[in-house]
């Protein structure tokens, strides 16, 4: 519900009041003396859906554009006449959206002054960079909360659909300046942290092995879905008049962390990281603007004057076209990463299946597969090929299988077409029989073997991950070649 206050120009009082009475709207008129010949102020409550329609009718009845109109929230309106008016508009209007004047004012309010916007953007980028280097999800989320990014995106979209060029340019300017400032702030902070050793000395592999950073290295089509969802949610929250705070966090989640990764990549001199994260940020920026623009146009927001409608429609369609083309071009990169993730997941699944099949019968029937780890070739391209597979295998006491690595390698090459290096690590399995020693031997059963296998595999997980697209298979992780030289205390190994 809204309470509307309208200044009545001299000579238009009766016409405006007649329009309100015809629509069944309760009103109160006060006589006022003011500048420019205004003679009074009319107060009347309206349902949210009725504001735009009633204000348009009053302008046609003679309400001047330079006569100020105030629209404020009304918590409660007790009136039988108002209830009937509300029911009528609920039947007529299928959309629950605020008036054009309201959404324009809200979009202006969400786009802050440049100074405040820069300060908050720089702070959020620095906090995000610190959270990424610390591998702290809580700190990264905190950086999203303070990022003022929803305002510029919504201002750009609203300015387009209502044909407000000044608002559109302001939104574009803030988004551009914010991106550059965030990258510079994150790069400066990350370089400072590296030089003064605020973080341990990290090689490129160790840096890219940090979980919070690795997630933003190679964007796929899931990233596009997140950005489009953020744009749709932002537009609907703005047009419905509800709080946009939580939606702002969602939009920041799509933009702030990958922007900080760009800065970190610059500080460490990693061009591949910079390129991948930049593509992710650009796709997210464009997708958020595209989704918000499409939603607002679909909801029926148009310029105030009908003769500007064709200009607004043309500008909207052109900008939607530009956004779609840009996203399509960048999506070629997303498609490559998505396909690479699919290929890696399929390779890892096939590798595991081949090993399990080899252990089903024959000379390897006593073996059990504990873990599979795949190392990928480092390459600037996200389409990295598998290079090495490390199997952790449980075996009975004292048995040897010198040909197992070669056997697994042949099976993998036949099934996948990749000639990878295979290394096998053995852990001993002890089995306790039923009897008096059950209680004391419980620690050496197959459960104990699993713990032993975990102990053997632990040096592997401590090593740095090779940068590669995220896999669809949760059991297989890429490991650096350094991990293959980890000391083993209770296991044997063979390789081929």
Protein backbone atom coordinates (compact mmCIF):
# COMPACT_ATOMS: atom_id res chain seq x y z
CA UNK A 1 0.00 0.00 0.00
CA UNK A 2 1.10 3.53 -0.76
CA UNK A 3 0.15 7.01 0.41
CA UNK A 4 0.40 9.52 -2.44
CA UNK A 5 0.76 13.28 -1.99
CA UNK A 6 0.24 15.43 -5.07
CA UNK A 7 0.56 19.22 -5.44
CA UNK A 8 -2.47 20.66 -7.25
CA UNK A 9 -1.69 23.34 -9.86
CA UNK A 10 -3.90 26.42 -10.10
CA UNK A 11 -6.91 25.80 -12.34
CA UNK A 12 -6.54 21.97 -12.29
CA UNK A 13 -8.03 21.27 -8.89
CA UNK A 14 -11.52 20.26 -9.98
CA UNK A 15 -10.27 18.12 -12.86
CA UNK A 16 -7.86 16.17 -10.66
CA UNK A 17 -10.42 15.62 -7.90
CA UNK A 18 -13.01 14.49 -10.44
CA UNK A 19 -10.53 11.90 -11.77
CA UNK A 20 -10.00 10.53 -8.25
CA UNK A 21 -13.74 10.39 -7.55
CA UNK A 22 -14.39 8.62 -10.82
CA UNK A 23 -11.92 5.90 -9.83
CA UNK A 24 -13.44 5.53 -6.36
CA UNK A 25 -10.38 6.82 -4.51
CA UNK A 26 -10.67 8.42 -1.08
CA UNK A 27 -8.76 11.69 -0.81
CA UNK A 28 -8.12 14.68 1.42
CA UNK A 29 -7.37 18.17 0.10
CA UNK A 30 -5.55 20.86 2.02
CA UNK A 31 -5.29 24.45 0.85
CA UNK A 32 -1.71 25.56 0.55
CA UNK A 33 0.10 28.68 -0.56
CA UNK A 34 3.28 28.03 -2.49
CA UNK A 35 5.42 29.08 -5.39
CA UNK A 36 4.49 28.74 -9.04
CA UNK A 37 0.76 29.04 -8.44
CA UNK A 38 0.08 25.79 -6.58
CA UNK A 39 -3.14 25.98 -4.56
CA UNK A 40 -3.31 22.74 -2.56
CA UNK A 41 -2.10 19.22 -1.78
CA UNK A 42 -4.17 16.08 -2.31
CA UNK A 43 -3.52 13.00 -0.12
CA UNK A 44 -4.91 9.59 -1.09
CA UNK A 45 -4.05 5.92 -0.39
CA UNK A 46 -3.54 3.45 -3.23
CA UNK A 47 -2.77 -0.23 -3.69
CA UNK A 48 0.79 -0.73 -4.91
CA UNK A 49 -0.41 -1.95 -8.31
CA UNK A 50 -2.54 1.17 -8.83
CA UNK A 51 0.12 3.85 -8.37
CA UNK A 52 1.43 3.94 -11.93
CA UNK A 53 -2.03 3.79 -13.50
CA UNK A 54 -3.48 6.56 -11.30
CA UNK A 55 -0.51 8.90 -11.70
CA UNK A 56 -0.67 8.50 -15.49
CA UNK A 57 -4.38 9.37 -15.43
CA UNK A 58 -3.73 12.45 -13.28
CA UNK A 59 -1.07 13.67 -15.68
CA UNK A 60 -3.52 13.34 -18.53
CA UNK A 61 -5.98 15.35 -16.42
CA UNK A 62 -3.53 18.23 -16.07
CA UNK A 63 -1.03 17.34 -13.36
CA UNK A 64 2.21 19.00 -14.41
CA UNK A 65 5.52 17.15 -14.58
CA UNK A 66 7.32 19.75 -12.47
CA UNK A 67 4.65 19.45 -9.74
CA UNK A 68 6.26 17.21 -7.17
CA UNK A 69 4.61 13.94 -6.19
CA UNK A 70 5.50 12.00 -3.04
CA UNK A 71 4.84 8.26 -2.75
CA UNK A 72 5.47 6.64 0.65
CA UNK A 73 4.78 3.23 2.18
CA UNK A 74 1.56 2.88 4.15
CA UNK A 75 1.49 0.12 6.75
CA UNK A 76 -2.29 -0.02 7.18
CA UNK A 77 -5.30 1.61 5.54
CA UNK A 78 -8.67 1.10 7.24
CA UNK A 79 -11.39 1.94 4.72
CA UNK A 80 -14.15 -0.04 3.02
CA UNK A 81 -13.69 2.03 -0.10
CA UNK A 82 -9.97 1.28 -0.16
CA UNK A 83 -10.61 -2.44 0.25
CA UNK A 84 -12.92 -2.39 -2.78
CA UNK A 85 -10.30 -0.47 -4.77
CA UNK A 86 -7.63 -2.97 -3.78
CA UNK A 87 -9.77 -5.93 -4.82
CA UNK A 88 -10.47 -4.31 -8.18
CA UNK A 89 -6.81 -3.77 -8.96
CA UNK A 90 -5.89 -7.25 -7.80
CA UNK A 91 -8.38 -8.63 -10.32
CA UNK A 92 -7.15 -6.39 -13.12
CA UNK A 93 -3.41 -6.63 -12.48
CA UNK A 94 -1.70 -10.00 -12.79
CA UNK A 95 1.72 -8.62 -11.79
CA UNK A 96 2.72 -7.46 -8.35
CA UNK A 97 5.11 -4.66 -9.25
CA UNK A 98 5.72 -1.13 -8.13
CA UNK A 99 5.14 1.95 -10.27
CA UNK A 100 7.60 3.22 -12.85
CA UNK A 101 8.26 6.31 -10.73
CA UNK A 102 9.04 4.16 -7.70
CA UNK A 103 11.39 1.76 -9.45
CA UNK A 104 13.24 4.69 -11.00
CA UNK A 105 13.68 6.31 -7.60
CA UNK A 106 14.80 3.01 -6.03
CA UNK A 107 17.33 2.41 -8.81
CA UNK A 108 18.79 5.88 -8.26
CA UNK A 109 19.05 5.25 -4.53
CA UNK A 110 20.79 1.89 -5.08
CA UNK A 111 23.49 3.50 -7.23
CA UNK A 112 25.59 5.33 -4.61
CA UNK A 113 27.87 8.30 -5.05
CA UNK A 114 31.18 7.51 -6.71
CA UNK A 115 33.29 8.13 -3.61
CA UNK A 116 31.30 5.83 -1.33
CA UNK A 117 31.01 3.23 -4.08
CA UNK A 118 34.77 3.14 -4.65
CA UNK A 119 35.57 2.83 -0.94
CA UNK A 120 33.17 -0.06 -0.40
CA UNK A 121 34.27 -1.80 -3.61
CA UNK A 122 37.97 -1.54 -2.75
CA UNK A 123 37.37 -2.79 0.80
CA UNK A 124 35.29 -5.74 -0.40
CA UNK A 125 37.98 -6.69 -2.95
CA UNK A 126 40.73 -6.61 -0.33
CA UNK A 127 38.67 -8.66 2.12
CA UNK A 128 37.87 -11.15 -0.65
CA UNK A 129 41.57 -11.48 -1.57
CA UNK A 130 42.45 -12.09 2.08
CA UNK A 131 39.71 -14.70 2.41
CA UNK A 132 40.87 -16.50 -0.74
CA UNK A 133 44.49 -16.60 0.40
CA UNK A 134 43.39 -17.83 3.84
CA UNK A 135 41.04 -20.35 2.18
CA UNK A 136 38.32 -19.03 4.49
CA UNK A 137 34.74 -19.24 3.16
CA UNK A 138 33.49 -17.07 6.04
CA UNK A 139 35.78 -14.17 5.10
CA UNK A 140 34.87 -14.49 1.41
CA UNK A 141 31.17 -14.33 2.30
CA UNK A 142 31.87 -11.24 4.40
CA UNK A 143 33.36 -9.53 1.36
CA UNK A 144 30.15 -10.20 -0.56
CA UNK A 145 27.99 -8.61 2.11
CA UNK A 146 29.73 -5.23 1.90
CA UNK A 147 30.05 -5.11 -1.90
CA UNK A 148 27.73 -2.40 -3.38
CA UNK A 149 27.27 -4.09 -6.75
CA UNK A 150 23.51 -4.51 -7.10
CA UNK A 151 22.90 -0.77 -7.57
CA UNK A 152 24.94 -0.18 -10.75
CA UNK A 153 23.53 -3.28 -12.46
CA UNK A 154 19.93 -2.35 -11.65
CA UNK A 155 20.49 1.31 -12.61
CA UNK A 156 21.77 0.22 -16.02
CA UNK A 157 18.74 -1.98 -16.67
CA UNK A 158 16.13 0.47 -15.34
CA UNK A 159 17.72 3.34 -17.26
CA UNK A 160 17.40 1.31 -20.45
CA UNK A 161 13.74 0.30 -20.15
CA UNK A 162 12.48 3.76 -19.06
CA UNK A 163 14.76 5.54 -21.54
CA UNK A 164 16.72 7.41 -18.87
CA UNK A 165 20.08 7.87 -20.57
CA UNK A 166 21.68 9.56 -17.58
CA UNK A 167 20.82 6.65 -15.29
CA UNK A 168 22.01 4.12 -17.87
CA UNK A 169 25.38 5.81 -18.32
CA UNK A 170 25.79 6.15 -14.56
CA UNK A 171 25.22 2.43 -14.09
CA UNK A 172 27.69 1.51 -16.84
CA UNK A 173 30.30 3.91 -15.45
CA UNK A 174 29.99 2.56 -11.91
CA UNK A 175 30.27 -1.05 -13.09
CA UNK A 176 33.36 -0.32 -15.18
CA UNK A 177 35.10 1.75 -12.51
CA UNK A 178 34.17 -0.79 -9.85
CA UNK A 179 35.67 -3.67 -11.80
CA UNK A 180 38.95 -1.86 -12.47
CA UNK A 181 39.21 -0.62 -8.87
CA UNK A 182 38.47 -4.07 -7.43
CA UNK A 183 41.11 -5.77 -9.59
CA UNK A 184 43.71 -3.11 -8.72
CA UNK A 185 42.93 -3.31 -5.00
CA UNK A 186 43.06 -7.11 -4.92
CA UNK A 187 46.31 -7.19 -6.94
CA UNK A 188 47.95 -4.56 -4.73
CA UNK A 189 46.94 -6.31 -1.53
CA UNK A 190 47.98 -9.76 -2.79
CA UNK A 191 51.37 -8.44 -3.96
CA UNK A 192 51.93 -6.72 -0.62
CA UNK A 193 50.98 -9.91 1.26
CA UNK A 194 53.40 -11.88 -0.89
CA UNK A 195 56.33 -9.47 -0.56
CA UNK A 196 56.12 -8.97 3.21
CA UNK A 197 55.32 -12.67 3.79
CA UNK A 198 51.87 -12.19 5.28
CA UNK A 199 51.22 -15.56 3.67
CA UNK A 200 53.71 -18.47 3.45
CA UNK A 201 55.82 -18.57 0.27
CA UNK A 202 53.56 -20.27 -2.25
CA UNK A 203 54.50 -21.66 -5.64
CA UNK A 204 52.01 -21.32 -8.45
CA UNK A 205 50.86 -24.92 -7.94
CA UNK A 206 50.41 -24.42 -4.22
CA UNK A 207 48.49 -21.18 -4.81
CA UNK A 208 46.16 -22.81 -7.32
CA UNK A 209 45.63 -25.74 -4.95
CA UNK A 210 43.85 -23.44 -2.45
CA UNK A 211 40.21 -24.54 -2.57
CA UNK A 212 38.62 -21.08 -2.66
CA UNK A 213 40.89 -20.05 -5.55
CA UNK A 214 40.66 -23.29 -7.51
CA UNK A 215 36.86 -22.98 -7.66
CA UNK A 216 37.12 -19.74 -9.69
CA UNK A 217 39.82 -20.74 -12.16
CA UNK A 218 37.89 -22.42 -14.93
CA UNK A 219 34.27 -21.29 -15.26
CA UNK A 220 31.70 -23.55 -16.87
CA UNK A 221 28.02 -23.21 -17.79
CA UNK A 222 27.02 -23.56 -14.14
CA UNK A 223 28.61 -20.16 -13.58
CA UNK A 224 26.37 -18.73 -16.29
CA UNK A 225 23.30 -20.15 -14.55
CA UNK A 226 24.33 -18.52 -11.27
CA UNK A 227 24.78 -15.10 -12.90
CA UNK A 228 21.48 -15.27 -14.79
CA UNK A 229 19.70 -16.27 -11.59
CA UNK A 230 21.26 -13.34 -9.74
CA UNK A 231 20.09 -10.91 -12.43
CA UNK A 232 16.54 -12.26 -12.42
CA UNK A 233 16.37 -12.15 -8.62
CA UNK A 234 17.73 -8.59 -8.58
CA UNK A 235 15.14 -7.34 -11.06
CA UNK A 236 12.23 -9.04 -9.30
CA UNK A 237 13.30 -7.79 -5.87
CA UNK A 238 13.57 -4.25 -7.23
CA UNK A 239 10.25 -4.32 -9.10
CA UNK A 240 8.35 -5.87 -6.20
CA UNK A 241 9.55 -3.25 -3.75
CA UNK A 242 11.05 -5.73 -1.27
CA UNK A 243 14.50 -5.49 0.28
CA UNK A 244 17.35 -6.11 -2.15
CA UNK A 245 20.00 -6.73 0.52
CA UNK A 246 20.11 -10.53 0.22
CA UNK A 247 19.90 -10.38 -3.56
CA UNK A 248 22.83 -7.97 -3.49
CA UNK A 249 24.86 -10.64 -1.68
CA UNK A 250 23.97 -13.14 -4.41
CA UNK A 251 25.08 -10.74 -7.13
CA UNK A 252 28.30 -10.06 -5.22
CA UNK A 253 28.88 -13.82 -4.94
CA UNK A 254 29.03 -13.97 -8.73
CA UNK A 255 31.39 -11.01 -9.05
CA UNK A 256 33.60 -10.30 -6.02
CA UNK A 257 35.55 -13.59 -5.49
CA UNK A 258 36.51 -14.10 -9.17
CA UNK A 259 37.52 -10.43 -9.40
CA UNK A 260 39.81 -10.96 -6.39
CA UNK A 261 41.26 -14.05 -8.10
CA UNK A 262 42.21 -11.85 -11.06
CA UNK A 263 44.16 -9.61 -8.70
CA UNK A 264 45.86 -12.58 -7.05
CA UNK A 265 46.81 -13.99 -10.45
CA UNK A 266 48.37 -10.65 -11.39
CA UNK A 267 50.33 -10.53 -8.12
CA UNK A 268 51.74 -14.02 -8.73
CA UNK A 269 52.25 -13.52 -12.46
CA UNK A 270 49.86 -16.24 -13.61
CA UNK A 271 48.36 -15.24 -16.98
CA UNK A 272 46.25 -18.40 -17.27
CA UNK A 273 44.59 -17.66 -13.95
CA UNK A 274 43.97 -14.05 -14.96
CA UNK A 275 42.37 -15.06 -18.27
CA UNK A 276 40.09 -17.72 -16.78
CA UNK A 277 38.87 -15.51 -13.93
CA UNK A 278 38.43 -12.50 -16.23
CA UNK A 279 36.19 -14.53 -18.52
CA UNK A 280 34.15 -15.62 -15.49
CA UNK A 281 33.73 -12.03 -14.25
CA UNK A 282 32.78 -10.69 -17.69
CA UNK A 283 30.25 -13.47 -18.24
CA UNK A 284 28.73 -12.79 -14.83
CA UNK A 285 28.56 -9.02 -15.40
CA UNK A 286 26.92 -9.41 -18.80
CA UNK A 287 24.52 -12.13 -17.66
CA UNK A 288 23.31 -10.16 -14.66
CA UNK A 289 22.61 -7.11 -16.83
CA UNK A 290 20.92 -9.21 -19.52
CA UNK A 291 18.65 -11.04 -17.09
CA UNK A 292 17.64 -7.86 -15.25
CA UNK A 293 16.97 -5.99 -18.50
CA UNK A 294 14.82 -8.79 -19.90
CA UNK A 295 12.80 -9.17 -16.70
CA UNK A 296 12.05 -5.44 -16.37
CA UNK A 297 10.98 -5.16 -20.02
CA UNK A 298 8.82 -8.28 -19.66
CA UNK A 299 7.14 -6.77 -16.60
CA UNK A 300 5.98 -3.84 -18.68
CA UNK A 301 8.22 -0.97 -17.60
CA UNK A 302 8.25 1.66 -20.33
CA UNK A 303 9.09 5.37 -20.73
CA UNK A 304 6.64 7.88 -19.33
CA UNK A 305 5.83 9.43 -22.72
CA UNK A 306 4.42 7.27 -25.48
CA UNK A 307 6.46 9.01 -28.20
CA UNK A 308 9.65 7.80 -26.47
CA UNK A 309 8.41 4.22 -26.45
CA UNK A 310 9.89 3.33 -29.83
CA UNK A 311 13.25 4.77 -28.84
CA UNK A 312 13.27 2.79 -25.59
CA UNK A 313 12.23 -0.40 -27.39
CA UNK A 314 14.98 0.07 -29.97
CA UNK A 315 17.62 0.79 -27.33
CA UNK A 316 16.50 -2.20 -25.23
CA UNK A 317 16.59 -4.61 -28.16
CA UNK A 318 20.01 -3.35 -29.28
CA UNK A 319 21.49 -3.70 -25.80
CA UNK A 320 19.96 -7.13 -25.35
CA UNK A 321 21.46 -8.12 -28.70
CA UNK A 322 24.91 -6.84 -27.74
CA UNK A 323 24.76 -8.66 -24.40
CA UNK A 324 23.63 -11.91 -26.01
CA UNK A 325 26.39 -11.80 -28.64
CA UNK A 326 29.06 -11.02 -26.03
CA UNK A 327 27.87 -13.81 -23.76
CA UNK A 328 27.75 -16.22 -26.70
CA UNK A 329 31.36 -15.43 -27.61
CA UNK A 330 32.55 -15.85 -24.04
CA UNK A 331 30.47 -19.02 -23.73
CA UNK A 332 32.83 -20.69 -26.19
CA UNK A 333 35.35 -20.67 -23.36
CA UNK A 334 32.71 -21.90 -20.91
CA UNK A 335 31.80 -24.67 -23.32
CA UNK A 336 35.41 -25.77 -23.57
CA UNK A 337 35.76 -25.94 -19.80
CA UNK A 338 32.45 -27.76 -19.41
CA UNK A 339 33.44 -30.32 -22.05
CA UNK A 340 36.83 -30.75 -20.41
CA UNK A 341 35.18 -31.38 -17.03
CA UNK A 342 32.93 -33.97 -18.65
CA UNK A 343 35.89 -35.69 -20.31
CA UNK A 344 37.88 -35.74 -17.08
CA UNK A 345 34.98 -37.13 -15.13
CA UNK A 346 34.39 -39.84 -17.70
CA UNK A 347 38.10 -40.76 -17.77
CA UNK A 348 38.30 -41.03 -14.01
CA UNK A 349 35.14 -43.10 -13.80
CA UNK A 350 36.35 -45.44 -16.56
CA UNK A 351 39.73 -45.79 -14.85
CA UNK A 352 38.11 -46.80 -11.58
CA UNK A 353 35.82 -49.28 -13.32
CA UNK A 354 38.74 -50.88 -15.17
CA UNK A 355 40.65 -51.35 -11.93
CA UNK A 356 37.65 -52.85 -10.16
CA UNK A 357 37.03 -55.21 -13.07
CA UNK A 358 40.67 -56.35 -12.96
CA UNK A 359 40.28 -57.26 -9.29
CA UNK A 360 37.13 -59.34 -9.80
CA UNK A 361 38.85 -62.63 -10.71
CA UNK A 362 42.11 -64.29 -11.65
CA UNK A 363 45.44 -63.55 -10.02
CA UNK A 364 44.23 -60.18 -8.70
CA UNK A 365 41.07 -61.48 -6.98
CA UNK A 366 42.56 -60.90 -3.49
CA UNK A 367 43.17 -57.21 -4.15
CA UNK A 368 40.83 -54.35 -3.27
CA UNK A 369 40.81 -50.82 -4.67
CA UNK A 370 41.22 -48.15 -2.00
CA UNK A 371 41.78 -44.92 -3.92
CA UNK A 372 42.40 -43.50 -7.41
CA UNK A 373 44.22 -40.23 -8.06
CA UNK A 374 44.67 -38.65 -11.49
CA UNK A 375 47.29 -36.05 -12.43
CA UNK A 376 46.68 -33.87 -15.50
CA UNK A 377 49.22 -32.23 -17.77
CA UNK A 378 49.68 -28.57 -16.90
CA UNK A 379 48.72 -26.46 -19.89
CA UNK A 380 47.42 -22.94 -20.56
CA UNK A 381 44.43 -24.65 -22.16
CA UNK A 382 41.67 -25.91 -19.87
CA UNK A 383 41.52 -29.04 -22.05
CA UNK A 384 44.41 -30.69 -20.17
CA UNK A 385 44.99 -34.38 -20.85
CA UNK A 386 45.47 -37.03 -18.12
CA UNK A 387 49.13 -37.74 -17.50
CA UNK A 388 49.43 -40.10 -14.52
CA UNK A 389 47.16 -42.35 -12.48
CA UNK A 390 48.06 -43.49 -8.96
CA UNK A 391 46.16 -46.47 -7.52
CA UNK A 392 46.15 -47.29 -3.82
CA UNK A 393 45.44 -51.04 -3.56
CA UNK A 394 44.88 -53.30 -0.56
CA UNK A 395 46.63 -56.69 -0.67
CA UNK A 396 47.06 -59.75 1.60
CA UNK A 397 50.21 -60.05 3.71
CA UNK A 398 53.40 -60.86 1.86
CA UNK A 399 52.02 -61.15 -1.67
CA UNK A 400 53.60 -59.40 -4.64
CA UNK A 401 52.10 -58.32 -7.96
CA UNK A 402 54.95 -56.98 -10.11
CA UNK A 403 52.86 -56.86 -13.31
CA UNK A 404 49.81 -55.08 -11.86
CA UNK A 405 50.83 -51.56 -12.98
CA UNK A 406 51.43 -52.73 -16.56
CA UNK A 407 48.13 -54.60 -16.60
CA UNK A 408 46.18 -51.58 -15.40
CA UNK A 409 47.94 -49.34 -17.89
CA UNK A 410 46.99 -51.59 -20.80
CA UNK A 411 43.37 -51.77 -19.65
CA UNK A 412 43.13 -47.97 -19.27
CA UNK A 413 44.68 -47.30 -22.66
CA UNK A 414 42.36 -49.81 -24.34
CA UNK A 415 39.27 -48.31 -22.67
CA UNK A 416 40.07 -44.58 -22.93
CA UNK A 417 42.72 -44.19 -25.63
CA UNK A 418 45.08 -42.34 -23.27
CA UNK A 419 48.57 -43.75 -22.72
CA UNK A 420 49.10 -42.62 -19.13
CA UNK A 421 51.75 -43.50 -16.59
CA UNK A 422 50.38 -45.85 -13.92
CA UNK A 423 51.71 -46.19 -10.42
CA UNK A 424 50.38 -48.68 -7.85
CA UNK A 425 50.77 -48.31 -4.11
CA UNK A 426 50.07 -51.31 -1.92
CA UNK A 427 48.75 -51.41 1.61
CA UNK A 428 48.58 -54.65 3.57
CA UNK A 429 45.22 -56.07 4.64
CA UNK A 430 45.06 -58.19 7.78
CA UNK A 431 42.00 -60.35 8.50
CA UNK A 432 41.10 -61.53 12.01
CA UNK A 433 39.24 -64.86 12.32
CA UNK A 434 36.49 -65.56 14.84
CA UNK A 435 37.70 -66.67 18.25
CA UNK A 436 39.08 -65.43 21.51
CA UNK A 437 41.27 -62.82 19.89
CA UNK A 438 38.40 -60.95 18.23
CA UNK A 439 38.53 -58.08 20.68
CA UNK A 440 42.27 -57.58 20.39
CA UNK A 441 42.41 -58.05 16.64
CA UNK A 442 39.54 -55.72 15.83
CA UNK A 443 41.98 -52.98 14.97
CA UNK A 444 43.58 -55.14 12.25
CA UNK A 445 40.44 -56.06 10.33
CA UNK A 446 39.54 -54.63 6.98
CA UNK A 447 38.45 -51.45 8.76
CA UNK A 448 41.98 -51.21 10.05
CA UNK A 449 43.22 -51.72 6.52
CA UNK A 450 41.11 -48.79 5.41
CA UNK A 451 42.73 -46.63 8.08
CA UNK A 452 46.13 -47.82 6.97
CA UNK A 453 45.28 -46.95 3.42
CA UNK A 454 44.22 -43.50 4.53
CA UNK A 455 47.57 -43.11 6.31
CA UNK A 456 49.41 -44.05 3.15
CA UNK A 457 47.31 -41.75 0.99
CA UNK A 458 47.61 -38.79 3.34
CA UNK A 459 50.98 -37.57 1.94
CA UNK A 460 49.27 -37.38 -1.44
CA UNK A 461 46.53 -35.05 -0.25
CA UNK A 462 49.07 -32.77 1.34
CA UNK A 463 50.68 -32.06 -2.01
CA UNK A 464 49.66 -29.30 -4.36
CA UNK A 465 46.93 -29.83 -6.89
CA UNK A 466 47.67 -29.27 -10.54
CA UNK A 467 45.43 -26.55 -11.92
CA UNK A 468 42.73 -28.14 -14.02
CA UNK A 469 38.98 -27.89 -14.60
CA UNK A 470 36.88 -29.23 -11.76
CA UNK A 471 35.99 -32.86 -12.16
CA UNK A 472 32.53 -34.35 -12.10
CA UNK A 473 33.91 -37.34 -10.17
CA UNK A 474 34.31 -36.52 -6.47
CA UNK A 475 36.64 -39.47 -5.74
CA UNK A 476 39.43 -38.42 -8.13
CA UNK A 477 41.59 -35.38 -7.57
CA UNK A 478 44.52 -34.06 -9.56
CA UNK A 479 47.84 -34.25 -7.75
CA UNK A 480 51.16 -32.69 -8.52
CA UNK A 481 54.10 -34.86 -9.57
CA UNK A 482 55.76 -33.94 -6.28
CA UNK A 483 53.14 -35.97 -4.45
CA UNK A 484 54.30 -39.10 -6.23
CA UNK A 485 57.59 -38.93 -4.37
CA UNK A 486 55.98 -38.95 -0.93
CA UNK A 487 57.66 -41.31 1.55
CA UNK A 488 55.86 -44.53 2.36
CA UNK A 489 56.33 -46.39 5.58
CA UNK A 490 54.05 -49.43 5.27
CA UNK A 491 53.39 -49.81 1.56
CA UNK A 492 55.02 -50.97 -1.60
CA UNK A 493 54.67 -49.53 -5.04
CA UNK A 494 55.09 -50.40 -8.67
CA UNK A 495 54.72 -48.27 -11.74
CA UNK A 496 54.44 -48.56 -15.45
